[in-house]
C-alpha atoms as a PDB file:
ATOM      1  CA  MET A   1     -86.295  11.659  11.462  1.00  0.00           C
ATOM      2  CA  ASP A   2     -83.912   8.806  10.512  1.00  0.00           C
ATOM      3  CA  THR A   3     -85.230   5.352   9.349  1.00  0.00           C
ATOM      4  CA  PRO A   4     -85.181   3.360  12.599  1.00  0.00           C
ATOM      5  CA  ALA A   5     -86.892   6.293  14.552  1.00  0.00           C
ATOM      6  CA  ARG A   6     -89.585   6.611  11.822  1.00  0.00           C
ATOM      7  CA  LEU A   7     -90.129   2.721  11.663  1.00  0.00           C
ATOM      8  CA  LEU A   8     -90.799   2.902  15.527  1.00  0.00           C
ATOM      9  CA  ARG A   9     -93.013   5.915  15.091  1.00  0.00           C
ATOM     10  CA  LEU A  10     -94.909   4.113  12.290  1.00  0.00           C
ATOM     11  CA  LEU A  11     -95.335   1.088  14.484  1.00  0.00           C
ATOM     12  CA  ALA A  12     -96.540   2.836  17.421  1.00  0.00           C
ATOM     13  CA  LEU A  13     -99.320   4.686  15.264  1.00  0.00           C
ATOM     14  CA  LEU A  14    -100.296   1.325  13.750  1.00  0.00           C
ATOM     15  CA  SER A  15    -100.614  -0.105  17.299  1.00  0.00           C
ATOM     16  CA  SER A  16    -102.696   2.947  18.518  1.00  0.00           C
ATOM     17  CA  ARG A  17    -105.687   2.206  16.476  1.00  0.00           C
ATOM     18  CA  ALA A  18    -107.486  -0.138  14.003  1.00  0.00           C
ATOM     19  CA  SER A  19    -106.626   1.446  10.690  1.00  0.00           C
ATOM     20  CA  TRP A  20    -104.775   4.310   9.030  1.00  0.00           C
ATOM     21  CA  ARG A  21    -105.045   5.822   5.704  1.00  0.00           C
ATOM     22  CA  ALA A  22    -101.966   6.424   3.731  1.00  0.00           C
ATOM     23  CA  ASP A  23    -102.517  10.202   3.580  1.00  0.00           C
ATOM     24  CA  GLU A  24    -102.894  10.321   7.344  1.00  0.00           C
ATOM     25  CA  LEU A  25     -99.615   8.520   7.788  1.00  0.00           C
ATOM     26  CA  VAL A  26     -98.003  10.837   5.450  1.00  0.00           C
ATOM     27  CA  GLU A  27     -99.270  13.774   7.407  1.00  0.00           C
ATOM     28  CA  ARG A  28     -98.258  12.380  10.673  1.00  0.00           C
ATOM     29  CA  LEU A  29     -94.744  11.162   9.607  1.00  0.00           C
ATOM     30  CA  GLY A  30     -93.898  14.260   7.272  1.00  0.00           C
ATOM     31  CA  VAL A  31     -92.834  11.959   4.375  1.00  0.00           C
ATOM     32  CA  THR A  32     -94.111  10.900   0.979  1.00  0.00           C
ATOM     33  CA  GLU A  33     -96.601   8.001   0.377  1.00  0.00           C
ATOM     34  CA  ARG A  34     -93.906   6.150  -1.471  1.00  0.00           C
ATOM     35  CA  THR A  35     -91.744   6.305   1.629  1.00  0.00           C
ATOM     36  CA  ILE A  36     -94.658   5.040   3.772  1.00  0.00           C
ATOM     37  CA  ARG A  37     -94.980   1.930   1.387  1.00  0.00           C
ATOM     38  CA  ARG A  38     -91.256   1.222   1.756  1.00  0.00           C
ATOM     39  CA  ASP A  39     -91.478   1.472   5.574  1.00  0.00           C
ATOM     40  CA  ILE A  40     -94.548  -0.779   5.413  1.00  0.00           C
ATOM     41  CA  HIS A  41     -92.411  -3.341   3.479  1.00  0.00           C
ATOM     42  CA  ARG A  42     -89.483  -2.947   6.067  1.00  0.00           C
ATOM     43  CA  LEU A  43     -92.079  -3.712   9.123  1.00  0.00           C
ATOM     44  CA  ARG A  44     -93.158  -6.949   7.186  1.00  0.00           C
ATOM     45  CA  ASP A  45     -89.508  -8.004   6.750  1.00  0.00           C
ATOM     46  CA  LEU A  46     -88.969  -7.649  10.436  1.00  0.00           C
ATOM     47  CA  GLY A  47     -91.927  -9.924  11.057  1.00  0.00           C
ATOM     48  CA  TYR A  48     -94.778  -7.490  11.835  1.00  0.00           C
ATOM     49  CA  PRO A  49     -97.921  -8.361   9.817  1.00  0.00           C
ATOM     50  CA  VAL A  50     -99.026  -5.170   8.395  1.00  0.00           C
ATOM     51  CA  ASP A  51    -102.377  -5.602   6.389  1.00  0.00           C
ATOM     52  CA  ALA A  52    -103.247  -3.249   3.498  1.00  0.00           C
ATOM     53  CA  VAL A  53    -106.800  -2.711   2.179  1.00  0.00           C
ATOM     54  CA  THR A  54    -107.336  -0.784  -1.172  1.00  0.00           C
ATOM     55  CA  GLY A  55    -110.252   1.485  -1.933  1.00  0.00           C
ATOM     56  CA  PRO A  56    -111.727   4.580  -0.482  1.00  0.00           C
ATOM     57  CA  TYR A  57    -112.377   2.802   3.005  1.00  0.00           C
ATOM     58  CA  GLY A  58    -109.048   1.011   2.954  1.00  0.00           C
ATOM     59  CA  GLY A  59    -105.829   1.570   4.744  1.00  0.00           C
ATOM     60  CA  TYR A  60    -103.092  -0.119   6.858  1.00  0.00           C
ATOM     61  CA  SER A  61    -103.534  -2.043  10.012  1.00  0.00           C
ATOM     62  CA  LEU A  62    -101.499  -4.214  12.199  1.00  0.00           C
ATOM     63  CA  GLY A  63    -102.556  -7.721  11.862  1.00  0.00           C
ATOM     64  CA  ALA A  64    -102.483 -10.501  14.475  1.00  0.00           C
ATOM     65  CA  GLY A  65     -99.510 -12.851  14.935  1.00  0.00           C
ATOM     66  CA  GLY A  66     -96.014 -12.204  14.028  1.00  0.00           C
ATOM     67  CA  ARG A  67     -93.493 -10.778  16.594  1.00  0.00           C
ATOM     68  CA  LEU A  68     -94.636  -8.734  19.625  1.00  0.00           C
ATOM     69  CA  PRO A  69     -94.152  -5.195  18.762  1.00  0.00           C
ATOM     70  CA  PRO A  70     -92.057  -2.965  20.998  1.00  0.00           C
ATOM     71  CA  LEU A  71     -94.040  -1.210  23.581  1.00  0.00           C
ATOM     72  CA  LEU A  72     -93.872   2.564  23.437  1.00  0.00           C
ATOM     73  CA  LEU A  73     -95.038   3.935  26.826  1.00  0.00           C
ATOM     74  CA  ASP A  74     -95.205   7.217  28.569  1.00  0.00           C
ATOM     75  CA  ASP A  75     -93.847   7.716  32.015  1.00  0.00           C
ATOM     76  CA  GLU A  76     -97.046   7.055  33.790  1.00  0.00           C
ATOM     77  CA  GLU A  77     -98.038   3.936  31.635  1.00  0.00           C
ATOM     78  CA  ALA A  78     -94.506   2.539  32.332  1.00  0.00           C
ATOM     79  CA  VAL A  79     -94.813   2.952  36.097  1.00  0.00           C
ATOM     80  CA  ALA A  80     -98.380   1.541  35.841  1.00  0.00           C
ATOM     81  CA  VAL A  81     -97.101  -1.600  34.206  1.00  0.00           C
ATOM     82  CA  ALA A  82     -94.235  -1.877  36.752  1.00  0.00           C
ATOM     83  CA  ILE A  83     -96.694  -1.646  39.563  1.00  0.00           C
ATOM     84  CA  ALA A  84     -98.868  -4.453  37.953  1.00  0.00           C
ATOM     85  CA  LEU A  85     -95.969  -6.741  37.373  1.00  0.00           C
ATOM     86  CA  HIS A  86     -94.856  -6.263  40.920  1.00  0.00           C
ATOM     87  CA  ALA A  87     -98.255  -7.311  42.134  1.00  0.00           C
ATOM     88  CA  VAL A  88     -98.212 -10.389  39.932  1.00  0.00           C
ATOM     89  CA  ALA A  89     -94.701 -11.316  41.153  1.00  0.00           C
ATOM     90  CA  GLN A  90     -96.138 -11.803  44.681  1.00  0.00           C
ATOM     91  CA  ARG A  91     -98.325 -14.775  43.535  1.00  0.00           C
ATOM     92  CA  ASP A  92     -97.611 -18.176  42.703  1.00  0.00           C
ATOM     93  CA  GLY A  93     -97.685 -19.473  39.087  1.00  0.00           C
ATOM     94  CA  LEU A  94     -96.831 -16.284  37.276  1.00  0.00           C
ATOM     95  CA  ALA A  95     -94.236 -15.019  39.843  1.00  0.00           C
ATOM     96  CA  GLU A  96     -91.182 -16.075  37.805  1.00  0.00           C
ATOM     97  CA  ALA A  97     -92.338 -14.641  34.417  1.00  0.00           C
ATOM     98  CA  ALA A  98     -93.415 -11.416  36.045  1.00  0.00           C
ATOM     99  CA  LEU A  99     -90.087 -10.909  37.780  1.00  0.00           C
ATOM    100  CA  ARG A 100     -88.209 -11.393  34.596  1.00  0.00           C
ATOM    101  CA  ALA A 101     -90.558  -8.894  32.807  1.00  0.00           C
ATOM    102  CA  LEU A 102     -89.998  -6.364  35.514  1.00  0.00           C
ATOM    103  CA  THR A 103     -86.408  -6.725  35.491  1.00  0.00           C
ATOM    104  CA  LYS A 104     -86.271  -6.183  31.751  1.00  0.00           C
ATOM    105  CA  LEU A 105     -88.512  -3.099  32.068  1.00  0.00           C
ATOM    106  CA  ALA A 106     -86.443  -1.759  34.809  1.00  0.00           C
ATOM    107  CA  GLN A 107     -83.328  -1.843  32.580  1.00  0.00           C
ATOM    108  CA  VAL A 108     -84.751   0.399  30.007  1.00  0.00           C
ATOM    109  CA  LEU A 109     -86.415   2.942  32.385  1.00  0.00           C
ATOM    110  CA  PRO A 110     -85.029   6.301  32.671  1.00  0.00           C
ATOM    111  CA  VAL A 111     -83.053   6.764  35.906  1.00  0.00           C
ATOM    112  CA  PRO A 112     -85.793   8.903  37.774  1.00  0.00           C
ATOM    113  CA  LEU A 113     -88.561   6.416  36.964  1.00  0.00           C
ATOM    114  CA  ARG A 114     -86.283   3.581  37.949  1.00  0.00           C
ATOM    115  CA  GLU A 115     -85.628   4.962  41.234  1.00  0.00           C
ATOM    116  CA  ARG A 116     -89.436   5.515  41.825  1.00  0.00           C
ATOM    117  CA  VAL A 117     -90.161   1.956  40.701  1.00  0.00           C
ATOM    118  CA  ALA A 118     -87.589   0.691  42.953  1.00  0.00           C
ATOM    119  CA  ALA A 119     -88.821   2.659  45.941  1.00  0.00           C
ATOM    120  CA  PHE A 120     -92.384   1.244  45.242  1.00  0.00           C
ATOM    121  CA  GLY A 121     -90.863  -2.260  45.207  1.00  0.00           C
ATOM    122  CA  SER A 122     -89.096  -1.868  48.540  1.00  0.00           C
ATOM    123  CA  VAL A 123     -92.158  -0.666  50.556  1.00  0.00           C
ATOM    124  CA  ALA A 124     -95.184  -2.491  48.876  1.00  0.00           C
ATOM    125  CA  VAL A 125     -96.925  -5.474  50.453  1.00  0.00           C
ATOM    126  CA  GLY A 126    -100.110  -7.399  49.562  1.00  0.00           C
ATOM    127  CA  VAL A 127    -103.087  -8.961  51.263  1.00  0.00           C
ATOM    128  CA  GLY A 128    -105.158 -11.759  49.862  1.00  0.00           C
ATOM    129  CA  TRP A 129    -108.840 -10.482  48.906  1.00  0.00           C
ATOM    130  CA  PRO A 130    -111.883 -12.912  48.260  1.00  0.00           C
ATOM    131  CA  ARG A 131    -113.831 -10.669  45.993  1.00  0.00           C
ATOM    132  CA  ASP A 132    -117.287 -12.064  46.727  1.00  0.00           C
ATOM    133  CA  ARG A 133    -117.071 -10.936  50.256  1.00  0.00           C
ATOM    134  CA  PHE A 134    -117.379  -7.255  49.271  1.00  0.00           C
ATOM    135  CA  ALA A 135    -119.495  -7.858  46.280  1.00  0.00           C
ATOM    136  CA  ASP A 136    -122.118  -9.663  48.609  1.00  0.00           C
ATOM    137  CA  ALA A 137    -121.853  -7.523  51.735  1.00  0.00           C
ATOM    138  CA  GLY A 138    -121.453  -4.035  50.343  1.00  0.00           C
ATOM    139  CA  GLY A 139    -118.005  -3.925  51.814  1.00  0.00           C
ATOM    140  CA  VAL A 140    -115.629  -1.045  52.097  1.00  0.00           C
ATOM    141  CA  ALA A 141    -113.896  -1.273  48.862  1.00  0.00           C
ATOM    142  CA  GLY A 142    -116.239   1.459  47.619  1.00  0.00           C
ATOM    143  CA  THR A 143    -116.562   3.073  44.322  1.00  0.00           C
ATOM    144  CA  GLY A 144    -114.850   5.900  42.349  1.00  0.00           C
ATOM    145  CA  GLU A 145    -111.867   6.474  40.284  1.00  0.00           C
ATOM    146  CA  PRO A 146    -108.636   4.729  40.900  1.00  0.00           C
ATOM    147  CA  GLU A 147    -105.900   6.624  42.760  1.00  0.00           C
ATOM    148  CA  GLY A 148    -103.510   8.513  40.754  1.00  0.00           C
ATOM    149  CA  ILE A 149    -100.096   6.975  39.922  1.00  0.00           C
ATOM    150  CA  GLY A 150     -98.428  10.237  40.990  1.00  0.00           C
ATOM    151  CA  VAL A 151     -99.856  10.017  44.524  1.00  0.00           C
ATOM    152  CA  LEU A 152     -99.000   6.402  44.897  1.00  0.00           C
ATOM    153  CA  MET A 153     -95.283   6.952  43.816  1.00  0.00           C
ATOM    154  CA  SER A 154     -94.953   9.835  45.837  1.00  0.00           C
ATOM    155  CA  LEU A 155     -96.055   7.940  48.939  1.00  0.00           C
ATOM    156  CA  ALA A 156     -93.649   5.019  47.904  1.00  0.00           C
ATOM    157  CA  VAL A 157     -90.837   7.544  47.957  1.00  0.00           C
ATOM    158  CA  VAL A 158     -91.507   8.881  51.345  1.00  0.00           C
ATOM    159  CA  CYS A 159     -92.123   5.433  52.814  1.00  0.00           C
ATOM    160  CA  GLN A 160     -88.555   4.281  51.523  1.00  0.00           C
ATOM    161  CA  ARG A 161     -87.005   7.434  52.966  1.00  0.00           C
ATOM    162  CA  SER A 162     -89.072   7.324  56.369  1.00  0.00           C
ATOM    163  CA  GLU A 163     -89.731  10.881  55.869  1.00  0.00           C
ATOM    164  CA  ARG A 164     -92.376  12.766  57.675  1.00  0.00           C
ATOM    165  CA  THR A 165     -95.193  13.875  55.266  1.00  0.00           C
ATOM    166  CA  ARG A 166     -98.134  16.016  55.187  1.00  0.00           C
ATOM    167  CA  PHE A 167    -101.145  15.368  52.806  1.00  0.00           C
ATOM    168  CA  ASP A 168    -104.932  16.073  52.604  1.00  0.00           C
ATOM    169  CA  TYR A 169    -107.196  13.260  53.429  1.00  0.00           C
ATOM    170  CA  ARG A 170    -110.933  12.756  52.785  1.00  0.00           C
ATOM    171  CA  SER A 171    -112.630  10.240  55.109  1.00  0.00           C
ATOM    172  CA  GLY A 172    -115.334   7.770  54.053  1.00  0.00           C
ATOM    173  CA  GLU A 173    -117.823  10.223  55.347  1.00  0.00           C
ATOM    174  CA  GLY A 174    -116.448  12.923  53.093  1.00  0.00           C
ATOM    175  CA  VAL A 175    -114.650  14.803  55.923  1.00  0.00           C
ATOM    176  CA  GLU A 176    -111.534  16.691  54.817  1.00  0.00           C
ATOM    177  CA  SER A 177    -108.621  17.014  57.049  1.00  0.00           C
ATOM    178  CA  ALA A 178    -104.841  17.742  56.871  1.00  0.00           C
ATOM    179  CA  ARG A 179    -102.667  14.847  58.286  1.00  0.00           C
ATOM    180  CA  HIS A 180     -99.108  14.831  59.436  1.00  0.00           C
ATOM    181  CA  VAL A 181     -97.742  11.143  59.263  1.00  0.00           C
ATOM    182  CA  GLU A 182     -94.644   9.039  59.421  1.00  0.00           C
ATOM    183  CA  PRO A 183     -95.152   6.713  56.277  1.00  0.00           C
ATOM    184  CA  PHE A 184     -94.063   3.082  56.801  1.00  0.00           C
ATOM    185  CA  ARG A 185     -95.627   0.788  54.023  1.00  0.00           C
ATOM    186  CA  LEU A 186     -98.014   0.666  51.034  1.00  0.00           C
ATOM    187  CA  VAL A 187    -100.451  -2.334  51.264  1.00  0.00           C
ATOM    188  CA  SER A 188    -102.477  -3.554  48.148  1.00  0.00           C
ATOM    189  CA  LEU A 189    -105.809  -5.176  48.882  1.00  0.00           C
ATOM    190  CA  GLY A 190    -108.096  -6.199  45.919  1.00  0.00           C
ATOM    191  CA  GLN A 191    -108.325  -2.956  43.842  1.00  0.00           C
ATOM    192  CA  ARG A 192    -107.230  -0.613  46.648  1.00  0.00           C
ATOM    193  CA  TRP A 193    -104.016   0.633  47.882  1.00  0.00           C
ATOM    194  CA  TYR A 194    -103.445   1.696  51.589  1.00  0.00           C
ATOM    195  CA  LEU A 195    -100.888   3.666  53.356  1.00  0.00           C
ATOM    196  CA  VAL A 196     -99.914   2.470  56.750  1.00  0.00           C
ATOM    197  CA  ALA A 197     -98.241   5.278  58.786  1.00  0.00           C
ATOM    198  CA  ARG A 198     -97.928   6.696  62.208  1.00  0.00           C
ATOM    199  CA  ASP A 199    -100.324   9.543  62.708  1.00  0.00           C
ATOM    200  CA  VAL A 200     -98.121  12.204  64.507  1.00  0.00           C
ATOM    201  CA  ASP A 201    -100.939  14.329  65.806  1.00  0.00           C
ATOM    202  CA  ARG A 202    -102.804  11.279  67.230  1.00  0.00           C
ATOM    203  CA  ALA A 203     -99.498   9.384  68.293  1.00  0.00           C
ATOM    204  CA  ALA A 204    -101.110   6.134  66.837  1.00  0.00           C
ATOM    205  CA  TRP A 205    -100.645   3.923  63.683  1.00  0.00           C
ATOM    206  CA  ARG A 206    -103.279   4.399  61.053  1.00  0.00           C
ATOM    207  CA  THR A 207    -104.229   3.174  57.638  1.00  0.00           C
ATOM    208  CA  PHE A 208    -105.319   5.542  54.781  1.00  0.00           C
ATOM    209  CA  ARG A 209    -106.864   4.816  51.512  1.00  0.00           C
ATOM    210  CA  VAL A 210    -104.444   6.238  48.877  1.00  0.00           C
ATOM    211  CA  ASP A 211    -107.307   7.037  46.547  1.00  0.00           C
ATOM    212  CA  ARG A 212    -108.618   9.560  49.318  1.00  0.00           C
ATOM    213  CA  VAL A 213    -105.043  11.212  49.628  1.00  0.00           C
ATOM    214  CA  THR A 214    -104.226  14.447  47.789  1.00  0.00           C
ATOM    215  CA  ARG A 215    -101.422  17.013  47.830  1.00  0.00           C
ATOM    216  CA  VAL A 216     -98.660  14.940  49.216  1.00  0.00           C
ATOM    217  CA  ARG A 217     -96.068  17.030  50.826  1.00  0.00           C
ATOM    218  CA  PRO A 218     -92.954  15.712  52.186  1.00  0.00           C
ATOM    219  CA  THR A 219     -91.197  17.633  54.963  1.00  0.00           C
ATOM    220  CA  GLY A 220     -87.510  16.592  54.810  1.00  0.00           C
ATOM    221  CA  ALA A 221     -87.669  15.240  58.375  1.00  0.00           C
ATOM    222  CA  ARG A 222     -86.384  11.766  58.787  1.00  0.00           C
ATOM    223  CA  VAL A 223     -87.644   9.366  61.405  1.00  0.00           C
ATOM    224  CA  VAL A 224     -86.785   5.938  62.780  1.00  0.00           C
ATOM    225  CA  HIS A 225     -89.807   3.573  63.099  1.00  0.00           C
ATOM    226  CA  ARG A 226     -89.729   1.778  66.575  1.00  0.00           C
ATOM    227  CA  ASP A 227     -91.771  -1.252  66.912  1.00  0.00           C
ATOM    228  CA  PRO A 228     -93.684  -0.884  63.702  1.00  0.00           C
ATOM    229  CA  PRO A 229     -96.830  -2.989  63.014  1.00  0.00           C
ATOM    230  CA  ASP A 230     -97.392  -5.773  60.602  1.00  0.00           C
ATOM    231  CA  ALA A 231     -98.640  -3.511  57.821  1.00  0.00           C
ATOM    232  CA  ALA A 232    -100.576  -6.236  56.039  1.00  0.00           C
ATOM    233  CA  ALA A 233    -102.200  -7.467  59.109  1.00  0.00           C
ATOM    234  CA  LEU A 234    -103.194  -4.071  60.189  1.00  0.00           C
ATOM    235  CA  VAL A 235    -104.997  -3.300  56.886  1.00  0.00           C
ATOM    236  CA  ALA A 236    -106.663  -6.805  56.807  1.00  0.00           C
ATOM    237  CA  GLU A 237    -107.859  -6.191  60.459  1.00  0.00           C
ATOM    238  CA  GLY A 238    -109.246  -2.739  59.440  1.00  0.00           C
ATOM    239  CA  VAL A 239    -111.229  -4.183  56.444  1.00  0.00           C
ATOM    240  CA  ALA A 240    -112.348  -7.324  58.174  1.00  0.00           C
ATOM    241  CA  VAL A 241    -113.339  -5.868  61.580  1.00  0.00           C
ATOM    242  CA  ARG A 242    -112.863  -2.249  62.333  1.00  0.00           C
ATOM    243  CA  ALA A 243    -114.683  -0.886  59.303  1.00  0.00           C
ATOM    244  CA  TYR A 244    -118.069  -2.351  60.432  1.00  0.00           C
ATOM    245  CA  GLU A 245    -120.811  -1.465  62.993  1.00  0.00           C
ATOM    246  CA  HIS A 246    -121.430  -5.084  63.843  1.00  0.00           C
ATOM    247  CA  VAL A 247    -118.923  -7.729  64.672  1.00  0.00           C
ATOM    248  CA  GLY A 248    -119.601 -11.367  65.203  1.00  0.00           C
ATOM    249  CA  VAL A 249    -117.298 -13.540  67.520  1.00  0.00           C
ATOM    250  CA  VAL A 250    -117.264 -17.224  67.223  1.00  0.00           C
ATOM    251  CA  ARG A 251    -115.174 -20.110  68.679  1.00  0.00           C
ATOM    252  CA  LEU A 252    -114.234 -22.172  65.666  1.00  0.00           C
ATOM    253  CA  HIS A 253    -113.503 -25.713  66.355  1.00  0.00           C
ATOM    254  CA  LEU A 254    -110.164 -25.763  64.447  1.00  0.00           C
ATOM    255  CA  PRO A 255    -106.720 -25.158  65.745  1.00  0.00           C
ATOM    256  CA  PHE A 256    -105.219 -21.867  64.862  1.00  0.00           C
ATOM    257  CA  ASP A 257    -102.825 -23.203  61.998  1.00  0.00           C
ATOM    258  CA  GLU A 258    -105.971 -24.692  60.269  1.00  0.00           C
ATOM    259  CA  ALA A 259    -108.349 -21.801  61.028  1.00  0.00           C
ATOM    260  CA  VAL A 260    -106.220 -19.279  59.240  1.00  0.00           C
ATOM    261  CA  GLN A 261    -106.464 -21.434  56.181  1.00  0.00           C
ATOM    262  CA  VAL A 262    -110.202 -21.559  56.341  1.00  0.00           C
ATOM    263  CA  VAL A 263    -110.878 -17.729  57.203  1.00  0.00           C
ATOM    264  CA  PRO A 264    -108.896 -15.362  54.970  1.00  0.00           C
ATOM    265  CA  PRO A 265    -107.359 -12.314  56.841  1.00  0.00           C
ATOM    266  CA  THR A 266    -109.790  -9.949  55.017  1.00  0.00           C
ATOM    267  CA  VAL A 267    -112.801 -11.915  56.150  1.00  0.00           C
ATOM    268  CA  GLY A 268    -112.075 -12.368  59.966  1.00  0.00           C
ATOM    269  CA  LEU A 269    -109.423 -11.888  62.542  1.00  0.00           C
ATOM    270  CA  VAL A 270    -108.354 -15.221  63.897  1.00  0.00           C
ATOM    271  CA  ARG A 271    -106.462 -15.735  67.186  1.00  0.00           C
ATOM    272  CA  ALA A 272    -105.738 -18.747  69.183  1.00  0.00           C
ATOM    273  CA  ASP A 273    -108.172 -19.729  71.745  1.00  0.00           C
ATOM    274  CA  PRO A 274    -106.570 -19.380  75.149  1.00  0.00           C
ATOM    275  CA  ASP A 275    -108.796 -21.971  76.705  1.00  0.00           C
ATOM    276  CA  ASP A 276    -108.685 -24.649  74.066  1.00  0.00           C
ATOM    277  CA  ALA A 277    -105.687 -25.461  71.807  1.00  0.00           C
ATOM    278  CA  GLY A 278    -107.997 -27.253  69.391  1.00  0.00           C
ATOM    279  CA  SER A 279    -110.076 -24.145  68.810  1.00  0.00           C
ATOM    280  CA  SER A 280    -109.752 -20.537  67.511  1.00  0.00           C
ATOM    281  CA  ILE A 281    -111.401 -17.367  68.315  1.00  0.00           C
ATOM    282  CA  VAL A 282    -112.700 -15.598  65.052  1.00  0.00           C
ATOM    283  CA  GLU A 283    -114.035 -11.975  64.804  1.00  0.00           C
ATOM    284  CA  MET A 284    -115.872 -11.069  61.596  1.00  0.00           C
ATOM    285  CA  GLY A 285    -117.307  -7.655  60.756  1.00  0.00           C
ATOM    286  CA  GLY A 286    -120.152  -6.726  58.525  1.00  0.00           C
ATOM    287  CA  ASP A 287    -124.082  -7.257  58.255  1.00  0.00           C
ATOM    288  CA  LEU A 288    -124.923 -10.068  60.403  1.00  0.00           C
ATOM    289  CA  ASP A 289    -126.904 -11.727  57.724  1.00  0.00           C
ATOM    290  CA  TRP A 290    -123.726 -11.856  55.631  1.00  0.00           C
ATOM    291  CA  VAL A 291    -121.689 -13.143  58.663  1.00  0.00           C
ATOM    292  CA  ALA A 292    -124.453 -15.848  59.282  1.00  0.00           C
ATOM    293  CA  ARG A 293    -124.230 -16.951  55.789  1.00  0.00           C
ATOM    294  CA  TYR A 294    -120.478 -17.167  55.647  1.00  0.00           C
ATOM    295  CA  LEU A 295    -120.360 -19.268  59.034  1.00  0.00           C
ATOM    296  CA  ALA A 296    -123.106 -21.491  57.475  1.00  0.00           C
ATOM    297  CA  GLY A 297    -120.867 -22.246  54.765  1.00  0.00           C
ATOM    298  CA  LEU A 298    -117.791 -23.459  56.741  1.00  0.00           C
ATOM    299  CA  ARG A 299    -117.249 -27.201  57.042  1.00  0.00           C
ATOM    300  CA  ALA A 300    -115.897 -26.767  60.685  1.00  0.00           C
ATOM    301  CA  SER A 301    -118.324 -26.556  63.642  1.00  0.00           C
ATOM    302  CA  PHE A 302    -118.468 -23.422  65.847  1.00  0.00           C
ATOM    303  CA  VAL A 303    -120.213 -21.719  68.670  1.00  0.00           C
ATOM    304  CA  VAL A 304    -121.550 -18.189  68.678  1.00  0.00           C
ATOM    305  CA  LEU A 305    -120.029 -16.086  71.559  1.00  0.00           C
ATOM    306  CA  GLU A 306    -121.550 -12.673  70.594  1.00  0.00           C
ATOM    307  CA  PRO A 307    -123.711 -10.953  69.761  1.00  0.00           C
ATOM    308  CA  PRO A 308    -126.889 -12.919  70.536  1.00  0.00           C
ATOM    309  CA  ALA A 309    -128.487 -11.605  67.251  1.00  0.00           C
ATOM    310  CA  LEU A 310    -126.123 -13.611  65.219  1.00  0.00           C
ATOM    311  CA  ARG A 311    -127.653 -16.874  66.744  1.00  0.00           C
ATOM    312  CA  ASP A 312    -131.066 -15.499  65.328  1.00  0.00           C
ATOM    313  CA  GLU A 313    -129.552 -14.812  61.935  1.00  0.00           C
ATOM    314  CA  LEU A 314    -128.149 -18.266  61.829  1.00  0.00           C
ATOM    315  CA  ARG A 315    -131.457 -19.807  62.643  1.00  0.00           C
ATOM    316  CA  LEU A 316    -133.044 -17.738  59.720  1.00  0.00           C
ATOM    317  CA  VAL A 317    -130.457 -19.207  57.309  1.00  0.00           C
ATOM    318  CA  ALA A 318    -131.031 -22.709  58.542  1.00  0.00           C
ATOM    319  CA  GLU A 319    -134.820 -22.228  57.948  1.00  0.00           C
ATOM    320  CA  ARG A 320    -134.433 -20.884  54.350  1.00  0.00           C
ATOM    321  CA  LEU A 321    -132.017 -23.876  53.588  1.00  0.00           C
ATOM    322  CA  LEU A 322    -134.511 -26.435  54.883  1.00  0.00           C
ATOM    323  CA  GLU A 323    -137.307 -24.562  52.836  1.00  0.00           C
ATOM    324  CA  ARG A 324    -135.331 -24.875  49.842  1.00  0.00           C
ATOM    325  CA  CYS A 325    -134.747 -28.702  50.572  1.00  0.00           C
ATOM    326  CA  GLY A 326    -138.422 -29.167  50.354  1.00  0.00           C
END
């Protein structure tokens, strides 16, 4: 191992845990303790603060400050960083810095990884997500391990190619099934990824939670999407309305342009009121108690259209508020 490669390896070891004894570094790098000391001095000269503690419990550790050390990532870590940067780049404030970092990362990725990241960037879209909505209502975000990077990137590639694909899918009730789909887009919502695809067997557009997808099997058959949906809106509608047994419908006394600013897409489905240009119709799914408390927090007035039980829940909310006010 030449000196530059050994220095990078030493820096990676120092970054991987809090402290290393000299004999451990000797064993890992296959050099003498004297060489380790020289390499530590070289790193310090390059601006990396390496601390040394003597004694039986001493060793070397990478201190705070100094120059940012180079990141040594495996393939999965590199792709995960690229996905995170892509998500941040969709937001205001940090978008420019995230795009710069993503560009730099793409330049040093191996060609196969670079192509996968490019595929992901071309088919991924995002939806805004008020976290307290699901923390409070029980929601559909669910629990469990995050989806594997491999499945996500495989779906990104077939979305980019518009390639018919088969995969195994587990529903929210735990029912296993084999799906044959025409992939279209990947949608991020909160901590979840969703695949929007046309289900070939059901001849309809569907959304699939990526963490429930396994054994992705491209078929090689290419398709042309005709009249595809707004992928982000389809996922938002599913999360806000279709995932729930109970749905409240109200006439919100705000014009459509203002109503969509008040009610996020993952909370309610907003459409223009055909009978009143100054109002909007809002559908909200979930436990009726939660819907009532959300509506009570709005600054705009509204009229409950259905179900009648939602009016009862609003009365209970009002009574509790009056009791708290004394």
